[in-house]
Amino acid sequence: MVVVCDTSFLFSLYGNDVHSPKAVAWVSGNTKPLYLNSLTRFEFRNAVIFSEFRKAVALGVAARYWAGFEAAISQGRLIVANSNLADVVDEATRLSSARTLTGGHRAFDILHVASALELKATHFLTFDKNQKTLAEAEGLLVPL
């Protein structure tokens, strides 16, 4: 079982939003590490900083969210896997061509699913409903 997560899941897990209890519960019942790639790492970092910029969280909170995320990487609970960007973009192009016109998928959501497919994921963790639809259409199990 290879479990890949997207930024919405990471923000719920290491931040604090309406989905946080569900994310924490899922991780608590799972012993396998979660996988992501450097694109997801970048988007998560930007999301926590942007949440502070928007004043959705107090000053300094983004650094705490990031520290929890980095600690999970150090402890092996999160694995930042190497992905060939060209291969991910090729897969994303295929997904976009096949599914965006009928599903209205955004570019970064497609990149997350393409990354999961390139990492040979079996499971995909997201709280984004449209991204869930795309992942399931591509054969990934989305347990949330």
C-alpha atoms as a PDB file:
ATOM      1  CA  MET A   1       0.000   0.000   0.000  1.00  0.00           C
ATOM      2  CA  VAL A   2       1.449   3.356  -1.067  1.00  0.00           C
ATOM      3  CA  VAL A   3      -0.455   6.328   0.346  1.00  0.00           C
ATOM      4  CA  VAL A   4       0.070   9.727  -1.277  1.00  0.00           C
ATOM      5  CA  CYS A   5      -1.384  12.896   0.211  1.00  0.00           C
ATOM      6  CA  ASP A   6      -2.155  16.299  -1.225  1.00  0.00           C
ATOM      7  CA  THR A   7      -1.877  19.771   0.266  1.00  0.00           C
ATOM      8  CA  SER A   8      -5.461  19.889   1.543  1.00  0.00           C
ATOM      9  CA  PHE A   9      -4.799  16.784   3.624  1.00  0.00           C
ATOM     10  CA  LEU A  10      -1.448  18.106   4.874  1.00  0.00           C
ATOM     11  CA  PHE A  11      -2.971  21.450   5.853  1.00  0.00           C
ATOM     12  CA  SER A  12      -5.668  19.639   7.825  1.00  0.00           C
ATOM     13  CA  LEU A  13      -3.101  17.361   9.456  1.00  0.00           C
ATOM     14  CA  TYR A  14      -0.446  19.935  10.373  1.00  0.00           C
ATOM     15  CA  GLY A  15      -2.672  22.984  10.528  1.00  0.00           C
ATOM     16  CA  ASN A  16      -6.100  23.501  11.955  1.00  0.00           C
ATOM     17  CA  ASP A  17      -9.247  23.481   9.865  1.00  0.00           C
ATOM     18  CA  VAL A  18     -12.628  21.801   9.691  1.00  0.00           C
ATOM     19  CA  HIS A  19     -11.056  18.557   8.410  1.00  0.00           C
ATOM     20  CA  SER A  20      -8.267  18.360  11.012  1.00  0.00           C
ATOM     21  CA  PRO A  21      -9.999  15.813  13.287  1.00  0.00           C
ATOM     22  CA  LYS A  22     -10.619  13.523  10.308  1.00  0.00           C
ATOM     23  CA  ALA A  23      -6.993  13.822   9.117  1.00  0.00           C
ATOM     24  CA  VAL A  24      -5.599  13.131  12.584  1.00  0.00           C
ATOM     25  CA  ALA A  25      -7.934  10.152  13.022  1.00  0.00           C
ATOM     26  CA  TRP A  26      -6.885   8.682   9.675  1.00  0.00           C
ATOM     27  CA  VAL A  27      -3.186   9.000  10.466  1.00  0.00           C
ATOM     28  CA  SER A  28      -3.691   7.608  13.964  1.00  0.00           C
ATOM     29  CA  GLY A  29      -5.159   4.442  12.481  1.00  0.00           C
ATOM     30  CA  ASN A  30      -2.456   4.045   9.845  1.00  0.00           C
ATOM     31  CA  THR A  31       1.089   2.810  10.421  1.00  0.00           C
ATOM     32  CA  LYS A  32       2.407   3.345   6.879  1.00  0.00           C
ATOM     33  CA  PRO A  33       4.274   6.542   5.993  1.00  0.00           C
ATOM     34  CA  LEU A  34       2.557   9.066   3.739  1.00  0.00           C
ATOM     35  CA  TYR A  35       4.239   9.991   0.468  1.00  0.00           C
ATOM     36  CA  LEU A  36       4.400  13.294  -1.334  1.00  0.00           C
ATOM     37  CA  ASN A  37       6.779  14.911  -3.777  1.00  0.00           C
ATOM     38  CA  SER A  38       8.599  18.221  -3.849  1.00  0.00           C
ATOM     39  CA  LEU A  39       5.708  19.955  -5.653  1.00  0.00           C
ATOM     40  CA  THR A  40       3.391  19.117  -2.767  1.00  0.00           C
ATOM     41  CA  ARG A  41       6.025  20.166  -0.257  1.00  0.00           C
ATOM     42  CA  PHE A  42       6.327  23.512  -2.028  1.00  0.00           C
ATOM     43  CA  GLU A  43       2.550  24.016  -2.218  1.00  0.00           C
ATOM     44  CA  PHE A  44       2.092  23.142   1.463  1.00  0.00           C
ATOM     45  CA  ARG A  45       4.796  25.595   2.533  1.00  0.00           C
ATOM     46  CA  ASN A  46       3.227  28.317   0.432  1.00  0.00           C
ATOM     47  CA  ALA A  47      -0.252  27.494   1.799  1.00  0.00           C
ATOM     48  CA  VAL A  48       0.799  27.874   5.431  1.00  0.00           C
ATOM     49  CA  ILE A  49       2.629  31.139   4.744  1.00  0.00           C
ATOM     50  CA  PHE A  50      -0.299  32.407   2.672  1.00  0.00           C
ATOM     51  CA  SER A  51      -2.726  31.576   5.487  1.00  0.00           C
ATOM     52  CA  GLU A  52      -0.682  33.836   7.760  1.00  0.00           C
ATOM     53  CA  PHE A  53      -0.554  36.563   5.094  1.00  0.00           C
ATOM     54  CA  ARG A  54      -4.366  36.431   4.771  1.00  0.00           C
ATOM     55  CA  LYS A  55      -4.563  36.632   8.563  1.00  0.00           C
ATOM     56  CA  ALA A  56      -6.447  33.333   8.639  1.00  0.00           C
ATOM     57  CA  VAL A  57      -3.955  32.307  11.333  1.00  0.00           C
ATOM     58  CA  ALA A  58      -2.072  34.418  13.847  1.00  0.00           C
ATOM     59  CA  LEU A  59       1.450  35.668  13.298  1.00  0.00           C
ATOM     60  CA  GLY A  60       3.949  32.850  13.872  1.00  0.00           C
ATOM     61  CA  VAL A  61       1.452  30.019  13.408  1.00  0.00           C
ATOM     62  CA  ALA A  62       2.706  29.188   9.906  1.00  0.00           C
ATOM     63  CA  ALA A  63       6.157  28.476  11.337  1.00  0.00           C
ATOM     64  CA  ARG A  64       4.623  26.046  13.868  1.00  0.00           C
ATOM     65  CA  TYR A  65       2.676  24.258  11.118  1.00  0.00           C
ATOM     66  CA  TRP A  66       5.846  23.982   9.038  1.00  0.00           C
ATOM     67  CA  ALA A  67       7.867  22.727  12.009  1.00  0.00           C
ATOM     68  CA  GLY A  68       5.359  19.911  12.625  1.00  0.00           C
ATOM     69  CA  PHE A  69       5.515  18.968   8.954  1.00  0.00           C
ATOM     70  CA  GLU A  70       9.333  18.949   8.914  1.00  0.00           C
ATOM     71  CA  ALA A  71       9.414  16.896  12.126  1.00  0.00           C
ATOM     72  CA  ALA A  72       7.191  14.278  10.470  1.00  0.00           C
ATOM     73  CA  ILE A  73       9.660  14.080   7.565  1.00  0.00           C
ATOM     74  CA  SER A  74      12.592  13.691   9.992  1.00  0.00           C
ATOM     75  CA  GLN A  75      10.722  10.936  11.842  1.00  0.00           C
ATOM     76  CA  GLY A  76       9.893   9.060   8.629  1.00  0.00           C
ATOM     77  CA  ARG A  77       6.120   9.541   8.919  1.00  0.00           C
ATOM     78  CA  LEU A  78       6.206  11.610   5.722  1.00  0.00           C
ATOM     79  CA  ILE A  79       8.389  10.646   2.771  1.00  0.00           C
ATOM     80  CA  VAL A  80       9.268  13.252   0.172  1.00  0.00           C
ATOM     81  CA  ALA A  81       9.786  10.954  -2.789  1.00  0.00           C
ATOM     82  CA  ASN A  82      11.779  11.874  -5.853  1.00  0.00           C
ATOM     83  CA  SER A  83       9.698  12.306  -8.968  1.00  0.00           C
ATOM     84  CA  ASN A  84      10.892  13.139 -12.432  1.00  0.00           C
ATOM     85  CA  LEU A  85       9.136  16.437 -13.135  1.00  0.00           C
ATOM     86  CA  ALA A  86       8.988  15.780 -16.871  1.00  0.00           C
ATOM     87  CA  ASP A  87       7.255  12.446 -16.264  1.00  0.00           C
ATOM     88  CA  VAL A  88       4.785  14.045 -13.844  1.00  0.00           C
ATOM     89  CA  VAL A  89       3.998  16.795 -16.357  1.00  0.00           C
ATOM     90  CA  ASP A  90       3.550  14.226 -19.135  1.00  0.00           C
ATOM     91  CA  GLU A  91       1.096  12.295 -16.957  1.00  0.00           C
ATOM     92  CA  ALA A  92      -0.647  15.541 -15.986  1.00  0.00           C
ATOM     93  CA  THR A  93      -0.992  16.442 -19.661  1.00  0.00           C
ATOM     94  CA  ARG A  94      -2.631  13.089 -20.307  1.00  0.00           C
ATOM     95  CA  LEU A  95      -5.004  13.581 -17.375  1.00  0.00           C
ATOM     96  CA  SER A  96      -5.863  17.105 -18.459  1.00  0.00           C
ATOM     97  CA  SER A  97      -6.596  16.005 -22.003  1.00  0.00           C
ATOM     98  CA  ALA A  98      -8.747  13.112 -20.839  1.00  0.00           C
ATOM     99  CA  ARG A  99     -10.614  14.663 -17.925  1.00  0.00           C
ATOM    100  CA  THR A 100     -10.548  18.469 -17.600  1.00  0.00           C
ATOM    101  CA  LEU A 101     -13.208  19.251 -20.186  1.00  0.00           C
ATOM    102  CA  THR A 102     -15.707  16.945 -18.488  1.00  0.00           C
ATOM    103  CA  GLY A 103     -14.537  17.372 -14.874  1.00  0.00           C
ATOM    104  CA  GLY A 104     -13.241  20.933 -14.638  1.00  0.00           C
ATOM    105  CA  HIS A 105      -9.968  20.031 -12.926  1.00  0.00           C
ATOM    106  CA  ARG A 106      -7.430  22.676 -11.881  1.00  0.00           C
ATOM    107  CA  ALA A 107      -3.785  22.367 -12.908  1.00  0.00           C
ATOM    108  CA  PHE A 108      -2.273  21.775  -9.465  1.00  0.00           C
ATOM    109  CA  ASP A 109      -4.958  19.210  -8.623  1.00  0.00           C
ATOM    110  CA  ILE A 110      -4.054  17.354 -11.800  1.00  0.00           C
ATOM    111  CA  LEU A 111      -0.363  17.548 -10.858  1.00  0.00           C
ATOM    112  CA  HIS A 112      -1.117  15.992  -7.440  1.00  0.00           C
ATOM    113  CA  VAL A 113      -2.950  13.061  -9.012  1.00  0.00           C
ATOM    114  CA  ALA A 114      -0.301  12.689 -11.726  1.00  0.00           C
ATOM    115  CA  SER A 115       2.371  12.632  -9.013  1.00  0.00           C
ATOM    116  CA  ALA A 116       0.472   9.951  -7.114  1.00  0.00           C
ATOM    117  CA  LEU A 117       0.231   7.840 -10.252  1.00  0.00           C
ATOM    118  CA  GLU A 118       3.953   8.288 -10.953  1.00  0.00           C
ATOM    119  CA  LEU A 119       4.697   7.160  -7.382  1.00  0.00           C
ATOM    120  CA  LYS A 120       2.584   4.025  -7.985  1.00  0.00           C
ATOM    121  CA  ALA A 121       0.151   5.037  -5.241  1.00  0.00           C
ATOM    122  CA  THR A 122      -2.718   2.800  -4.246  1.00  0.00           C
ATOM    123  CA  HIS A 123      -4.373   5.384  -1.962  1.00  0.00           C
ATOM    124  CA  PHE A 124      -4.728   9.147  -2.252  1.00  0.00           C
ATOM    125  CA  LEU A 125      -5.629  11.439   0.644  1.00  0.00           C
ATOM    126  CA  THR A 126      -7.426  14.679  -0.170  1.00  0.00           C
ATOM    127  CA  PHE A 127     -10.302  16.769   1.121  1.00  0.00           C
ATOM    128  CA  ASP A 128     -10.827  18.372  -2.301  1.00  0.00           C
ATOM    129  CA  LYS A 129     -13.988  16.803  -3.772  1.00  0.00           C
ATOM    130  CA  ASN A 130     -13.135  17.479  -7.403  1.00  0.00           C
ATOM    131  CA  GLN A 131      -9.622  16.131  -6.957  1.00  0.00           C
ATOM    132  CA  LYS A 132     -11.112  13.056  -5.262  1.00  0.00           C
ATOM    133  CA  THR A 133     -13.278  12.470  -8.341  1.00  0.00           C
ATOM    134  CA  LEU A 134     -10.214  12.660 -10.585  1.00  0.00           C
ATOM    135  CA  ALA A 135      -8.156  10.346  -8.383  1.00  0.00           C
ATOM    136  CA  GLU A 136     -10.928   7.762  -8.210  1.00  0.00           C
ATOM    137  CA  ALA A 137     -11.421   7.936 -11.986  1.00  0.00           C
ATOM    138  CA  GLU A 138      -7.756   6.992 -12.291  1.00  0.00           C
ATOM    139  CA  GLY A 139      -8.129   3.984 -10.007  1.00  0.00           C
ATOM    140  CA  LEU A 140      -6.819   5.418  -6.751  1.00  0.00           C
ATOM    141  CA  LEU A 141      -8.610   4.643  -3.508  1.00  0.00           C
ATOM    142  CA  VAL A 142      -9.638   7.817  -1.670  1.00  0.00           C
ATOM    143  CA  PRO A 143     -10.705   6.759   1.825  1.00  0.00           C
ATOM    144  CA  LEU A 144     -11.772  10.191   3.102  1.00  0.00           C
END
